[in-house]
Amino acid sequence: MPLAVMVLGVAGAFITTSMSSTKALANVQGYRFVSQADPCHLDLMCSNVVTANVCTSGSNQLWGKTNPSAATCQIPLYKIQN
């Protein structure tokens, strides 16, 4: 019985870890560069899941922020896959 409880605990830990890493790969806000005065202009939603299709708005590539208060947008983003 104690062995079964330990196995279930370890399995639960792995499942929780994989769930939290899946949340990190999600839809995120995309920004486009307009000018030095407006380097992160709010635009479309994109994904941080790497694919062959970069996220764009018109002819502009969209970028993500490392955190919401970041002044620059340097994280490459990708089109949301359906």
Protein backbone atom coordinates (compact mmCIF):
# COMPACT_ATOMS: atom_id res chain seq x y z
CA MET A 1 0.00 0.00 0.00
CA PRO A 2 2.68 2.64 0.85
CA LEU A 3 4.45 1.83 -2.41
CA ALA A 4 1.24 2.47 -4.39
CA VAL A 5 0.77 5.84 -2.67
CA MET A 6 4.35 6.81 -3.49
CA VAL A 7 3.93 5.81 -7.16
CA LEU A 8 0.72 7.85 -7.42
CA GLY A 9 2.47 10.84 -5.85
CA VAL A 10 5.35 10.69 -8.31
CA ALA A 11 2.94 10.31 -11.25
CA GLY A 12 0.94 13.31 -10.02
CA ALA A 13 4.10 15.40 -9.83
CA PHE A 14 5.01 14.58 -13.43
CA ILE A 15 1.49 15.37 -14.66
CA THR A 16 1.46 18.71 -12.83
CA THR A 17 4.85 19.63 -14.29
CA SER A 18 3.78 18.80 -17.83
CA MET A 19 0.55 20.78 -17.42
CA SER A 20 2.41 23.90 -16.31
CA SER A 21 4.87 23.67 -19.21
CA THR A 22 1.94 23.37 -21.64
CA LYS A 23 0.46 26.61 -20.29
CA ALA A 24 3.75 28.35 -21.11
CA LEU A 25 3.14 27.47 -24.77
CA ALA A 26 0.04 29.44 -25.53
CA ASN A 27 -1.48 32.36 -27.36
CA VAL A 28 0.31 35.59 -26.53
CA GLN A 29 -0.05 39.23 -27.50
CA GLY A 30 1.82 40.23 -30.65
CA TYR A 31 3.42 43.64 -31.13
CA ARG A 32 4.85 45.38 -34.19
CA PHE A 33 7.62 47.93 -34.46
CA VAL A 34 6.34 51.33 -35.62
CA SER A 35 9.15 53.71 -34.64
CA GLN A 36 11.74 54.31 -31.91
CA ALA A 37 9.01 56.20 -30.03
CA ASP A 38 6.57 53.25 -30.47
CA PRO A 39 8.72 50.09 -30.58
CA CYS A 40 5.98 47.74 -29.34
CA HIS A 41 2.66 48.70 -30.89
CA LEU A 42 -0.16 46.39 -29.75
CA ASP A 43 -1.46 44.24 -32.62
CA LEU A 44 -2.81 40.68 -33.10
CA MET A 45 -2.71 37.59 -30.92
CA CYS A 46 -0.02 35.10 -31.91
CA SER A 47 1.47 31.89 -30.55
CA ASN A 48 4.84 31.10 -28.99
CA VAL A 49 4.66 27.53 -30.32
CA VAL A 50 7.39 27.32 -32.97
CA THR A 51 6.09 26.60 -36.48
CA ALA A 52 7.23 27.45 -40.00
CA ASN A 53 4.77 30.39 -40.18
CA VAL A 54 5.80 33.58 -38.41
CA CYS A 55 3.03 35.79 -37.08
CA THR A 56 2.44 38.85 -39.24
CA SER A 57 0.05 41.77 -39.55
CA GLY A 58 0.06 42.88 -43.17
CA SER A 59 3.74 42.84 -44.13
CA ASN A 60 4.96 43.41 -40.55
CA GLN A 61 6.36 40.57 -38.45
CA LEU A 62 4.95 40.54 -34.93
CA TRP A 63 7.05 40.05 -31.81
CA GLY A 64 6.44 39.22 -28.18
CA LYS A 65 7.66 40.71 -24.92
CA THR A 66 9.74 38.86 -22.33
CA ASN A 67 7.28 40.19 -19.72
CA PRO A 68 4.33 42.62 -19.86
CA SER A 69 6.35 45.60 -18.61
CA ALA A 70 9.25 45.12 -21.07
CA ALA A 71 10.02 48.15 -23.24
CA THR A 72 11.21 46.08 -26.20
CA CYS A 73 9.68 43.25 -28.21
CA GLN A 74 12.26 40.66 -29.21
CA ILE A 75 10.57 37.28 -28.90
CA PRO A 76 9.68 35.76 -32.30
CA LEU A 77 6.04 34.73 -32.55
CA TYR A 78 4.17 32.36 -34.87
CA LYS A 79 0.73 32.09 -36.42
CA ILE A 80 -1.88 30.44 -34.21
CA GLN A 81 -2.54 26.91 -35.45
CA ASN A 82 -6.17 25.74 -35.50
